[in-house]
PDB file of N, CA and C in Angstrom:
ATOM      1  N   MET A   1     -14.238 -84.854  20.739  1.00  0.00           N
ATOM      2  CA  MET A   1     -13.028 -85.791  20.677  1.00  0.00           C
ATOM      3  C   MET A   1     -12.405 -85.617  21.891  1.00  0.00           C
ATOM      4  N   ASN A   2     -11.719 -86.853  22.450  1.00  0.00           N
ATOM      5  CA  ASN A   2     -10.770 -86.699  23.322  1.00  0.00           C
ATOM      6  C   ASN A   2      -9.354 -86.560  22.977  1.00  0.00           C
ATOM      7  N   LEU A   3      -8.601 -85.841  23.554  1.00  0.00           N
ATOM      8  CA  LEU A   3      -7.029 -85.689  23.235  1.00  0.00           C
ATOM      9  C   LEU A   3      -6.414 -86.937  23.413  1.00  0.00           C
ATOM     10  N   ALA A   4      -6.635 -87.686  24.583  1.00  0.00           N
ATOM     11  CA  ALA A   4      -6.033 -88.843  24.911  1.00  0.00           C
ATOM     12  C   ALA A   4      -7.151 -89.748  25.544  1.00  0.00           C
ATOM     13  N   ALA A   5      -6.881 -91.046  25.267  1.00  0.00           N
ATOM     14  CA  ALA A   5      -7.873 -92.118  25.670  1.00  0.00           C
ATOM     15  C   ALA A   5      -7.094 -93.367  25.812  1.00  0.00           C
ATOM     16  N   ASP A   6      -7.578 -94.423  26.673  1.00  0.00           N
ATOM     17  CA  ASP A   6      -7.018 -95.761  26.877  1.00  0.00           C
ATOM     18  C   ASP A   6      -7.395 -96.567  25.669  1.00  0.00           C
ATOM     19  N   PRO A   7      -6.803 -97.759  25.610  1.00  0.00           N
ATOM     20  CA  PRO A   7      -7.073 -98.623  24.645  1.00  0.00           C
ATOM     21  C   PRO A   7      -8.702 -98.907  24.203  1.00  0.00           C
ATOM     22  N   PHE A   8      -9.398 -98.826  25.030  1.00  0.00           N
ATOM     23  CA  PHE A   8     -10.856 -98.902  24.969  1.00  0.00           C
ATOM     24  C   PHE A   8     -11.615 -97.773  24.561  1.00  0.00           C
ATOM     25  N   ASN A   9     -10.859 -96.780  24.351  1.00  0.00           N
ATOM     26  CA  ASN A   9     -11.463 -95.414  23.773  1.00  0.00           C
ATOM     27  C   ASN A   9     -12.050 -94.640  24.835  1.00  0.00           C
ATOM     28  N   GLY A  10     -11.663 -94.813  26.220  1.00  0.00           N
ATOM     29  CA  GLY A  10     -12.404 -94.122  27.226  1.00  0.00           C
ATOM     30  C   GLY A  10     -11.208 -93.464  28.058  1.00  0.00           C
ATOM     31  N   PRO A  11     -11.491 -92.738  29.080  1.00  0.00           N
ATOM     32  CA  PRO A  11     -12.744 -92.399  29.267  1.00  0.00           C
ATOM     33  C   PRO A  11     -13.503 -91.182  28.380  1.00  0.00           C
ATOM     34  N   TYR A  12     -14.833 -91.011  28.259  1.00  0.00           N
ATOM     35  CA  TYR A  12     -15.399 -90.078  27.464  1.00  0.00           C
ATOM     36  C   TYR A  12     -16.545 -89.337  28.168  1.00  0.00           C
ATOM     37  N   THR A  13     -16.841 -88.162  27.848  1.00  0.00           N
ATOM     38  CA  THR A  13     -17.922 -87.625  28.566  1.00  0.00           C
ATOM     39  C   THR A  13     -19.239 -88.110  28.238  1.00  0.00           C
ATOM     40  N   ASN A  14     -20.033 -88.116  29.109  1.00  0.00           N
ATOM     41  CA  ASN A  14     -21.490 -88.699  28.912  1.00  0.00           C
ATOM     42  C   ASN A  14     -22.040 -87.775  27.977  1.00  0.00           C
ATOM     43  N   GLY A  15     -22.596 -88.335  26.842  1.00  0.00           N
ATOM     44  CA  GLY A  15     -23.191 -87.604  25.778  1.00  0.00           C
ATOM     45  C   GLY A  15     -22.289 -87.389  24.819  1.00  0.00           C
ATOM     46  N   GLY A  16     -20.965 -87.533  24.888  1.00  0.00           N
ATOM     47  CA  GLY A  16     -19.796 -87.230  23.940  1.00  0.00           C
ATOM     48  C   GLY A  16     -19.669 -88.346  23.048  1.00  0.00           C
ATOM     49  N   CYS A  17     -18.812 -88.320  22.158  1.00  0.00           N
ATOM     50  CA  CYS A  17     -18.410 -89.326  21.235  1.00  0.00           C
ATOM     51  C   CYS A  17     -17.783 -90.523  21.693  1.00  0.00           C
ATOM     52  N   SER A  18     -18.226 -91.504  21.678  1.00  0.00           N
ATOM     53  CA  SER A  18     -17.751 -92.788  22.318  1.00  0.00           C
ATOM     54  C   SER A  18     -16.955 -93.628  21.359  1.00  0.00           C
ATOM     55  N   THR A  19     -17.153 -93.188  19.954  1.00  0.00           N
ATOM     56  CA  THR A  19     -16.529 -94.030  19.092  1.00  0.00           C
ATOM     57  C   THR A  19     -15.502 -93.197  18.393  1.00  0.00           C
ATOM     58  N   CYS A  20     -15.061 -91.850  18.711  1.00  0.00           N
ATOM     59  CA  CYS A  20     -14.096 -90.969  17.968  1.00  0.00           C
ATOM     60  C   CYS A  20     -12.877 -91.471  18.437  1.00  0.00           C
ATOM     61  N   LEU A  21     -11.917 -91.313  17.606  1.00  0.00           N
ATOM     62  CA  LEU A  21     -10.457 -91.673  17.981  1.00  0.00           C
ATOM     63  C   LEU A  21      -9.975 -90.410  18.599  1.00  0.00           C
ATOM     64  N   PRO A  22      -9.094 -90.710  19.635  1.00  0.00           N
ATOM     65  CA  PRO A  22      -8.263 -89.720  20.291  1.00  0.00           C
ATOM     66  C   PRO A  22      -7.162 -89.278  19.322  1.00  0.00           C
ATOM     67  N   ALA A  23      -6.475 -88.131  20.005  1.00  0.00           N
ATOM     68  CA  ALA A  23      -5.272 -87.823  19.121  1.00  0.00           C
ATOM     69  C   ALA A  23      -4.372 -88.919  19.607  1.00  0.00           C
ATOM     70  N   VAL A  24      -4.294 -89.335  20.820  1.00  0.00           N
ATOM     71  CA  VAL A  24      -3.206 -90.232  21.437  1.00  0.00           C
ATOM     72  C   VAL A  24      -3.977 -91.277  22.100  1.00  0.00           C
ATOM     73  N   THR A  25      -3.373 -92.632  22.094  1.00  0.00           N
ATOM     74  CA  THR A  25      -3.892 -93.813  22.976  1.00  0.00           C
ATOM     75  C   THR A  25      -2.922 -94.017  23.871  1.00  0.00           C
ATOM     76  N   VAL A  26      -3.184 -94.026  24.985  1.00  0.00           N
ATOM     77  CA  VAL A  26      -2.153 -94.279  26.181  1.00  0.00           C
ATOM     78  C   VAL A  26      -2.432 -95.804  26.755  1.00  0.00           C
ATOM     79  N   SER A  27      -1.706 -96.650  26.408  1.00  0.00           N
ATOM     80  CA  SER A  27      -1.670 -97.966  26.753  1.00  0.00           C
ATOM     81  C   SER A  27      -1.090 -98.423  28.165  1.00  0.00           C
ATOM     82  N   SER A  28      -0.176 -97.691  28.476  1.00  0.00           N
ATOM     83  CA  SER A  28       0.569 -97.853  29.753  1.00  0.00           C
ATOM     84  C   SER A  28       1.494 -96.671  30.031  1.00  0.00           C
ATOM     85  N   ALA A  29       2.088 -96.577  31.166  1.00  0.00           N
ATOM     86  CA  ALA A  29       2.900 -95.458  31.336  1.00  0.00           C
ATOM     87  C   ALA A  29       3.828 -95.029  30.492  1.00  0.00           C
ATOM     88  N   ALA A  30       4.354 -96.346  29.802  1.00  0.00           N
ATOM     89  CA  ALA A  30       5.436 -96.096  28.741  1.00  0.00           C
ATOM     90  C   ALA A  30       4.939 -96.324  27.272  1.00  0.00           C
ATOM     91  N   ALA A  31       3.634 -96.559  26.834  1.00  0.00           N
ATOM     92  CA  ALA A  31       3.043 -96.742  25.558  1.00  0.00           C
ATOM     93  C   ALA A  31       2.214 -95.808  25.195  1.00  0.00           C
ATOM     94  N   LEU A  32       2.611 -95.023  24.123  1.00  0.00           N
ATOM     95  CA  LEU A  32       1.832 -94.067  23.663  1.00  0.00           C
ATOM     96  C   LEU A  32       1.711 -94.134  22.147  1.00  0.00           C
ATOM     97  N   THR A  33       0.398 -94.259  21.553  1.00  0.00           N
ATOM     98  CA  THR A  33       0.259 -94.391  20.035  1.00  0.00           C
ATOM     99  C   THR A  33      -0.428 -93.085  19.671  1.00  0.00           C
ATOM    100  N   ARG A  34       0.290 -92.339  18.525  1.00  0.00           N
ATOM    101  CA  ARG A  34      -0.120 -91.219  17.966  1.00  0.00           C
ATOM    102  C   ARG A  34      -1.372 -91.765  16.828  1.00  0.00           C
ATOM    103  N   ASN A  35      -2.519 -91.477  16.987  1.00  0.00           N
ATOM    104  CA  ASN A  35      -3.555 -91.414  15.939  1.00  0.00           C
ATOM    105  C   ASN A  35      -3.559 -90.526  14.805  1.00  0.00           C
ATOM    106  N   PRO A  36      -4.348 -90.718  13.671  1.00  0.00           N
ATOM    107  CA  PRO A  36      -4.494 -89.685  12.689  1.00  0.00           C
ATOM    108  C   PRO A  36      -4.908 -88.420  13.207  1.00  0.00           C
ATOM    109  N   SER A  37      -5.769 -88.321  14.357  1.00  0.00           N
ATOM    110  CA  SER A  37      -6.247 -86.974  14.873  1.00  0.00           C
ATOM    111  C   SER A  37      -4.951 -86.198  15.374  1.00  0.00           C
ATOM    112  N   TYR A  38      -3.915 -86.940  15.954  1.00  0.00           N
ATOM    113  CA  TYR A  38      -2.642 -86.202  16.411  1.00  0.00           C
ATOM    114  C   TYR A  38      -1.958 -85.433  15.139  1.00  0.00           C
ATOM    115  N   TYR A  39      -1.815 -86.164  14.186  1.00  0.00           N
ATOM    116  CA  TYR A  39      -1.244 -85.440  12.959  1.00  0.00           C
ATOM    117  C   TYR A  39      -2.216 -84.429  12.346  1.00  0.00           C
ATOM    118  N   ILE A  40      -3.380 -84.482  12.408  1.00  0.00           N
ATOM    119  CA  ILE A  40      -4.375 -83.489  11.793  1.00  0.00           C
ATOM    120  C   ILE A  40      -3.983 -82.097  12.602  1.00  0.00           C
ATOM    121  N   ILE A  41      -4.196 -82.396  14.242  1.00  0.00           N
ATOM    122  CA  ILE A  41      -3.986 -81.222  14.978  1.00  0.00           C
ATOM    123  C   ILE A  41      -2.688 -80.526  14.787  1.00  0.00           C
ATOM    124  N   ALA A  42      -1.480 -81.356  14.669  1.00  0.00           N
ATOM    125  CA  ALA A  42      -0.154 -80.721  14.395  1.00  0.00           C
ATOM    126  C   ALA A  42       0.010 -80.110  13.179  1.00  0.00           C
ATOM    127  N   HIS A  43      -0.687 -80.503  12.113  1.00  0.00           N
ATOM    128  CA  HIS A  43      -0.630 -80.023  10.854  1.00  0.00           C
ATOM    129  C   HIS A  43      -1.406 -78.582  10.878  1.00  0.00           C
ATOM    130  N   ALA A  44      -2.484 -78.782  11.361  1.00  0.00           N
ATOM    131  CA  ALA A  44      -3.606 -77.469  11.357  1.00  0.00           C
ATOM    132  C   ALA A  44      -2.869 -76.486  12.318  1.00  0.00           C
ATOM    133  N   SER A  45      -2.321 -76.813  13.548  1.00  0.00           N
ATOM    134  CA  SER A  45      -1.946 -75.734  14.481  1.00  0.00           C
ATOM    135  C   SER A  45      -0.460 -75.056  13.983  1.00  0.00           C
ATOM    136  N   LYS A  46       0.350 -75.606  13.060  1.00  0.00           N
ATOM    137  CA  LYS A  46       1.318 -75.088  12.511  1.00  0.00           C
ATOM    138  C   LYS A  46       0.975 -73.779  11.778  1.00  0.00           C
ATOM    139  N   PHE A  47      -0.171 -73.807  11.116  1.00  0.00           N
ATOM    140  CA  PHE A  47      -0.656 -72.792  10.222  1.00  0.00           C
ATOM    141  C   PHE A  47      -1.659 -71.886  10.725  1.00  0.00           C
ATOM    142  N   VAL A  48      -2.516 -72.568  11.410  1.00  0.00           N
ATOM    143  CA  VAL A  48      -3.664 -71.702  12.172  1.00  0.00           C
ATOM    144  C   VAL A  48      -3.341 -71.573  13.609  1.00  0.00           C
ATOM    145  N   ARG A  49      -2.641 -70.311  13.981  1.00  0.00           N
ATOM    146  CA  ARG A  49      -2.154 -70.004  15.235  1.00  0.00           C
ATOM    147  C   ARG A  49      -3.259 -69.442  16.238  1.00  0.00           C
ATOM    148  N   PRO A  50      -2.914 -69.500  17.439  1.00  0.00           N
ATOM    149  CA  PRO A  50      -3.906 -68.962  18.458  1.00  0.00           C
ATOM    150  C   PRO A  50      -4.331 -67.477  18.014  1.00  0.00           C
ATOM    151  N   GLY A  51      -5.633 -67.150  18.140  1.00  0.00           N
ATOM    152  CA  GLY A  51      -6.174 -65.933  17.630  1.00  0.00           C
ATOM    153  C   GLY A  51      -6.498 -65.982  16.240  1.00  0.00           C
ATOM    154  N   SER A  52      -6.429 -66.991  15.587  1.00  0.00           N
ATOM    155  CA  SER A  52      -6.928 -67.177  14.098  1.00  0.00           C
ATOM    156  C   SER A  52      -8.383 -66.986  14.227  1.00  0.00           C
ATOM    157  N   VAL A  53      -8.923 -66.713  13.058  1.00  0.00           N
ATOM    158  CA  VAL A  53     -10.661 -66.745  13.070  1.00  0.00           C
ATOM    159  C   VAL A  53     -10.916 -67.470  11.732  1.00  0.00           C
ATOM    160  N   ARG A  54     -11.952 -68.307  11.835  1.00  0.00           N
ATOM    161  CA  ARG A  54     -12.356 -69.017  10.618  1.00  0.00           C
ATOM    162  C   ARG A  54     -13.168 -68.117   9.907  1.00  0.00           C
ATOM    163  N   VAL A  55     -12.938 -67.860   8.577  1.00  0.00           N
ATOM    164  CA  VAL A  55     -13.476 -66.900   7.770  1.00  0.00           C
ATOM    165  C   VAL A  55     -14.520 -67.714   6.524  1.00  0.00           C
ATOM    166  N   ASP A  56     -14.025 -68.931   6.286  1.00  0.00           N
ATOM    167  CA  ASP A  56     -15.028 -69.561   5.282  1.00  0.00           C
ATOM    168  C   ASP A  56     -14.730 -71.065   5.233  1.00  0.00           C
ATOM    169  N   THR A  57     -15.738 -71.693   4.661  1.00  0.00           N
ATOM    170  CA  THR A  57     -15.690 -73.201   4.454  1.00  0.00           C
ATOM    171  C   THR A  57     -16.819 -73.586   3.509  1.00  0.00           C
ATOM    172  N   ASN A  58     -16.281 -74.491   2.747  1.00  0.00           N
ATOM    173  CA  ASN A  58     -17.386 -75.246   1.963  1.00  0.00           C
ATOM    174  C   ASN A  58     -16.774 -76.568   1.379  1.00  0.00           C
ATOM    175  N   VAL A  59     -17.694 -77.420   0.922  1.00  0.00           N
ATOM    176  CA  VAL A  59     -17.450 -78.773   0.510  1.00  0.00           C
ATOM    177  C   VAL A  59     -17.860 -78.963  -0.890  1.00  0.00           C
ATOM    178  N   PRO A  60     -16.988 -78.649  -1.920  1.00  0.00           N
ATOM    179  CA  PRO A  60     -17.233 -78.884  -3.385  1.00  0.00           C
ATOM    180  C   PRO A  60     -16.883 -80.302  -3.712  1.00  0.00           C
ATOM    181  N   GLY A  61     -17.679 -81.220  -3.665  1.00  0.00           N
ATOM    182  CA  GLY A  61     -17.374 -82.708  -4.047  1.00  0.00           C
ATOM    183  C   GLY A  61     -16.507 -83.258  -2.861  1.00  0.00           C
ATOM    184  N   ASN A  62     -15.428 -83.811  -3.265  1.00  0.00           N
ATOM    185  CA  ASN A  62     -14.502 -84.477  -2.535  1.00  0.00           C
ATOM    186  C   ASN A  62     -13.527 -83.473  -1.785  1.00  0.00           C
ATOM    187  N   LEU A  63     -13.561 -82.163  -1.885  1.00  0.00           N
ATOM    188  CA  LEU A  63     -12.565 -81.325  -1.244  1.00  0.00           C
ATOM    189  C   LEU A  63     -13.005 -80.470  -0.224  1.00  0.00           C
ATOM    190  N   GLN A  64     -12.935 -81.174   1.135  1.00  0.00           N
ATOM    191  CA  GLN A  64     -13.329 -80.531   2.342  1.00  0.00           C
ATOM    192  C   GLN A  64     -12.230 -79.456   2.617  1.00  0.00           C
ATOM    193  N   ASN A  65     -12.667 -78.251   2.990  1.00  0.00           N
ATOM    194  CA  ASN A  65     -11.882 -77.191   3.213  1.00  0.00           C
ATOM    195  C   ASN A  65     -12.327 -76.220   4.377  1.00  0.00           C
ATOM    196  N   VAL A  66     -11.384 -75.446   4.626  1.00  0.00           N
ATOM    197  CA  VAL A  66     -11.600 -74.374   5.855  1.00  0.00           C
ATOM    198  C   VAL A  66     -10.468 -73.518   5.684  1.00  0.00           C
ATOM    199  N   ALA A  67     -11.046 -72.175   5.743  1.00  0.00           N
ATOM    200  CA  ALA A  67     -10.120 -70.988   5.612  1.00  0.00           C
ATOM    201  C   ALA A  67     -10.144 -70.027   6.976  1.00  0.00           C
ATOM    202  N   PHE A  68      -8.892 -69.673   7.259  1.00  0.00           N
ATOM    203  CA  PHE A  68      -8.754 -68.713   8.414  1.00  0.00           C
ATOM    204  C   PHE A  68      -8.103 -67.617   8.224  1.00  0.00           C
ATOM    205  N   LYS A  69      -8.295 -66.280   8.976  1.00  0.00           N
ATOM    206  CA  LYS A  69      -7.527 -65.065   8.920  1.00  0.00           C
ATOM    207  C   LYS A  69      -6.685 -65.296  10.288  1.00  0.00           C
ATOM    208  N   THR A  70      -5.408 -65.316  10.020  1.00  0.00           N
ATOM    209  CA  THR A  70      -4.385 -65.553  11.135  1.00  0.00           C
ATOM    210  C   THR A  70      -4.176 -63.936  11.809  1.00  0.00           C
ATOM    211  N   PRO A  71      -3.563 -63.972  12.993  1.00  0.00           N
ATOM    212  CA  PRO A  71      -3.384 -62.773  13.799  1.00  0.00           C
ATOM    213  C   PRO A  71      -2.442 -61.847  12.949  1.00  0.00           C
ATOM    214  N   ASN A  72      -1.670 -62.360  12.036  1.00  0.00           N
ATOM    215  CA  ASN A  72      -0.710 -61.418  11.473  1.00  0.00           C
ATOM    216  C   ASN A  72      -1.283 -61.240   9.945  1.00  0.00           C
ATOM    217  N   GLY A  73      -2.563 -61.315   9.842  1.00  0.00           N
ATOM    218  CA  GLY A  73      -3.340 -60.853   8.605  1.00  0.00           C
ATOM    219  C   GLY A  73      -3.234 -61.861   7.413  1.00  0.00           C
ATOM    220  N   LYS A  74      -2.626 -62.963   7.559  1.00  0.00           N
ATOM    221  CA  LYS A  74      -2.523 -63.798   6.372  1.00  0.00           C
ATOM    222  C   LYS A  74      -3.797 -64.803   6.388  1.00  0.00           C
ATOM    223  N   ARG A  75      -3.986 -65.287   5.430  1.00  0.00           N
ATOM    224  CA  ARG A  75      -5.069 -66.385   5.118  1.00  0.00           C
ATOM    225  C   ARG A  75      -4.345 -67.705   5.222  1.00  0.00           C
ATOM    226  N   ALA A  76      -4.949 -68.778   5.690  1.00  0.00           N
ATOM    227  CA  ALA A  76      -4.602 -70.134   5.731  1.00  0.00           C
ATOM    228  C   ALA A  76      -5.939 -70.986   5.357  1.00  0.00           C
ATOM    229  N   LEU A  77      -5.625 -71.689   4.269  1.00  0.00           N
ATOM    230  CA  LEU A  77      -6.652 -72.531   3.732  1.00  0.00           C
ATOM    231  C   LEU A  77      -6.075 -73.960   3.683  1.00  0.00           C
ATOM    232  N   ILE A  78      -6.880 -74.865   4.606  1.00  0.00           N
ATOM    233  CA  ILE A  78      -6.603 -76.214   4.503  1.00  0.00           C
ATOM    234  C   ILE A  78      -7.624 -77.025   3.583  1.00  0.00           C
ATOM    235  N   VAL A  79      -7.083 -77.843   2.741  1.00  0.00           N
ATOM    236  CA  VAL A  79      -7.790 -78.612   1.884  1.00  0.00           C
ATOM    237  C   VAL A  79      -7.476 -79.867   1.970  1.00  0.00           C
ATOM    238  N   LEU A  80      -8.645 -80.980   2.190  1.00  0.00           N
ATOM    239  CA  LEU A  80      -8.488 -82.267   2.151  1.00  0.00           C
ATOM    240  C   LEU A  80      -9.178 -83.002   1.067  1.00  0.00           C
ATOM    241  N   ASN A  81      -8.420 -83.817   0.134  1.00  0.00           N
ATOM    242  CA  ASN A  81      -9.124 -84.521  -0.986  1.00  0.00           C
ATOM    243  C   ASN A  81      -9.512 -85.975  -0.356  1.00  0.00           C
ATOM    244  N   THR A  82     -10.981 -86.045  -0.019  1.00  0.00           N
ATOM    245  CA  THR A  82     -11.365 -87.297   0.336  1.00  0.00           C
ATOM    246  C   THR A  82     -11.615 -88.411  -0.567  1.00  0.00           C
ATOM    247  N   GLY A  83     -11.416 -87.969  -1.830  1.00  0.00           N
ATOM    248  CA  GLY A  83     -11.520 -88.991  -2.938  1.00  0.00           C
ATOM    249  C   GLY A  83     -10.441 -89.848  -3.042  1.00  0.00           C
ATOM    250  N   SER A  84     -10.274 -90.615  -4.051  1.00  0.00           N
ATOM    251  CA  SER A  84      -9.101 -91.456  -4.385  1.00  0.00           C
ATOM    252  C   SER A  84      -8.203 -90.838  -5.736  1.00  0.00           C
ATOM    253  N   ALA A  85      -8.941 -89.976  -6.347  1.00  0.00           N
ATOM    254  CA  ALA A  85      -8.353 -89.489  -7.640  1.00  0.00           C
ATOM    255  C   ALA A  85      -7.771 -88.186  -7.314  1.00  0.00           C
ATOM    256  N   LEU A  86      -6.774 -87.707  -8.142  1.00  0.00           N
ATOM    257  CA  LEU A  86      -6.231 -86.301  -8.152  1.00  0.00           C
ATOM    258  C   LEU A  86      -7.464 -85.447  -8.609  1.00  0.00           C
ATOM    259  N   GLN A  87      -7.477 -84.211  -7.877  1.00  0.00           N
ATOM    260  CA  GLN A  87      -8.651 -83.475  -8.025  1.00  0.00           C
ATOM    261  C   GLN A  87      -8.027 -81.986  -8.297  1.00  0.00           C
ATOM    262  N   ALA A  88      -8.299 -81.283  -9.379  1.00  0.00           N
ATOM    263  CA  ALA A  88      -8.050 -80.127  -9.762  1.00  0.00           C
ATOM    264  C   ALA A  88      -9.118 -79.082  -9.053  1.00  0.00           C
ATOM    265  N   PHE A  89      -8.394 -77.968  -8.720  1.00  0.00           N
ATOM    266  CA  PHE A  89      -9.387 -76.970  -8.099  1.00  0.00           C
ATOM    267  C   PHE A  89      -8.831 -75.464  -8.250  1.00  0.00           C
ATOM    268  N   ASN A  90      -9.762 -74.445  -8.024  1.00  0.00           N
ATOM    269  CA  ASN A  90      -9.083 -73.097  -8.206  1.00  0.00           C
ATOM    270  C   ASN A  90      -9.298 -72.458  -6.716  1.00  0.00           C
ATOM    271  N   ILE A  91      -8.326 -71.710  -6.219  1.00  0.00           N
ATOM    272  CA  ILE A  91      -8.454 -71.023  -5.025  1.00  0.00           C
ATOM    273  C   ILE A  91      -8.628 -69.336  -5.528  1.00  0.00           C
ATOM    274  N   GLN A  92      -9.662 -68.816  -5.038  1.00  0.00           N
ATOM    275  CA  GLN A  92     -10.055 -67.381  -5.577  1.00  0.00           C
ATOM    276  C   GLN A  92     -10.049 -66.585  -4.387  1.00  0.00           C
ATOM    277  N   TYR A  93      -9.325 -65.281  -4.644  1.00  0.00           N
ATOM    278  CA  TYR A  93      -9.127 -64.375  -3.431  1.00  0.00           C
ATOM    279  C   TYR A  93      -8.776 -63.130  -4.130  1.00  0.00           C
ATOM    280  N   LYS A  94      -9.908 -62.107  -3.752  1.00  0.00           N
ATOM    281  CA  LYS A  94      -9.667 -60.602  -4.240  1.00  0.00           C
ATOM    282  C   LYS A  94      -9.416 -60.497  -5.769  1.00  0.00           C
ATOM    283  N   GLY A  95     -10.041 -61.391  -6.455  1.00  0.00           N
ATOM    284  CA  GLY A  95     -10.051 -61.224  -8.056  1.00  0.00           C
ATOM    285  C   GLY A  95      -8.972 -62.053  -8.510  1.00  0.00           C
ATOM    286  N   LYS A  96      -8.137 -62.540  -7.869  1.00  0.00           N
ATOM    287  CA  LYS A  96      -6.908 -63.477  -8.367  1.00  0.00           C
ATOM    288  C   LYS A  96      -7.427 -64.883  -8.169  1.00  0.00           C
ATOM    289  N   VAL A  97      -6.779 -65.833  -9.086  1.00  0.00           N
ATOM    290  CA  VAL A  97      -7.109 -67.332  -9.066  1.00  0.00           C
ATOM    291  C   VAL A  97      -5.889 -67.939  -9.165  1.00  0.00           C
ATOM    292  N   LEU A  98      -5.762 -69.090  -8.182  1.00  0.00           N
ATOM    293  CA  LEU A  98      -4.681 -70.012  -8.327  1.00  0.00           C
ATOM    294  C   LEU A  98      -5.344 -71.138  -8.713  1.00  0.00           C
ATOM    295  N   ALA A  99      -4.846 -71.816  -9.686  1.00  0.00           N
ATOM    296  CA  ALA A  99      -5.179 -73.149 -10.203  1.00  0.00           C
ATOM    297  C   ALA A  99      -4.150 -74.232  -9.623  1.00  0.00           C
ATOM    298  N   THR A 100      -4.665 -75.162  -8.980  1.00  0.00           N
ATOM    299  CA  THR A 100      -3.968 -76.140  -8.196  1.00  0.00           C
ATOM    300  C   THR A 100      -4.500 -77.531  -8.365  1.00  0.00           C
ATOM    301  N   SER A 101      -3.953 -78.556  -7.814  1.00  0.00           N
ATOM    302  CA  SER A 101      -4.479 -79.836  -7.656  1.00  0.00           C
ATOM    303  C   SER A 101      -4.126 -80.571  -6.327  1.00  0.00           C
ATOM    304  N   LEU A 102      -4.672 -81.528  -6.160  1.00  0.00           N
ATOM    305  CA  LEU A 102      -4.312 -82.314  -4.799  1.00  0.00           C
ATOM    306  C   LEU A 102      -4.706 -83.690  -4.991  1.00  0.00           C
ATOM    307  N   ALA A 103      -3.769 -84.833  -4.743  1.00  0.00           N
ATOM    308  CA  ALA A 103      -3.844 -86.094  -4.976  1.00  0.00           C
ATOM    309  C   ALA A 103      -5.038 -86.703  -4.035  1.00  0.00           C
ATOM    310  N   GLY A 104      -5.522 -87.617  -4.374  1.00  0.00           N
ATOM    311  CA  GLY A 104      -6.548 -88.403  -3.383  1.00  0.00           C
ATOM    312  C   GLY A 104      -5.944 -88.721  -2.121  1.00  0.00           C
ATOM    313  N   GLY A 105      -6.793 -88.436  -0.995  1.00  0.00           N
ATOM    314  CA  GLY A 105      -6.266 -88.784   0.273  1.00  0.00           C
ATOM    315  C   GLY A 105      -5.191 -87.881   0.783  1.00  0.00           C
ATOM    316  N   ALA A 106      -4.960 -86.729   0.081  1.00  0.00           N
ATOM    317  CA  ALA A 106      -3.906 -85.930   0.590  1.00  0.00           C
ATOM    318  C   ALA A 106      -4.573 -84.586   1.140  1.00  0.00           C
ATOM    319  N   VAL A 107      -3.693 -83.897   2.006  1.00  0.00           N
ATOM    320  CA  VAL A 107      -4.190 -82.591   2.562  1.00  0.00           C
ATOM    321  C   VAL A 107      -2.961 -81.726   2.232  1.00  0.00           C
ATOM    322  N   ALA A 108      -3.522 -80.319   2.071  1.00  0.00           N
ATOM    323  CA  ALA A 108      -2.550 -79.363   1.786  1.00  0.00           C
ATOM    324  C   ALA A 108      -3.133 -78.068   2.448  1.00  0.00           C
ATOM    325  N   THR A 109      -2.010 -77.254   2.565  1.00  0.00           N
ATOM    326  CA  THR A 109      -2.430 -75.888   3.428  1.00  0.00           C
ATOM    327  C   THR A 109      -1.749 -75.032   2.484  1.00  0.00           C
ATOM    328  N   TYR A 110      -2.555 -73.855   2.159  1.00  0.00           N
ATOM    329  CA  TYR A 110      -2.011 -72.663   1.327  1.00  0.00           C
ATOM    330  C   TYR A 110      -2.095 -71.463   2.086  1.00  0.00           C
ATOM    331  N   VAL A 111      -1.114 -70.677   2.216  1.00  0.00           N
ATOM    332  CA  VAL A 111      -0.988 -69.548   2.993  1.00  0.00           C
ATOM    333  C   VAL A 111      -0.521 -68.352   2.097  1.00  0.00           C
ATOM    334  N   TRP A 112      -1.372 -67.356   2.267  1.00  0.00           N
ATOM    335  CA  TRP A 112      -1.007 -66.045   1.485  1.00  0.00           C
ATOM    336  C   TRP A 112      -1.317 -64.760   2.454  1.00  0.00           C
TER     337      TRP A 112
END
């Protein structure tokens, strides 16, 4: 993925993704468009700080997720519901369970 690209999605590295949307599209010196990737990076970087380590991930149905251990010892779990309906799920950690749900198309971050 490019962080920035022109309106034709270039330039890109040979062998890289020529159809991936960049975080921002630069149309001219004064025109910048923030794409969905921009907001995804912004959201994740608020909770997954430098030095964090990915500790788990799985994809049960429509719930894509990834968990990190942050430098301050906390856990950050990012969950995306790729479906269109509300999805209930449980978060389990060290014998404790949190029951929660996420609307279709929504993303949430859980920190403990």
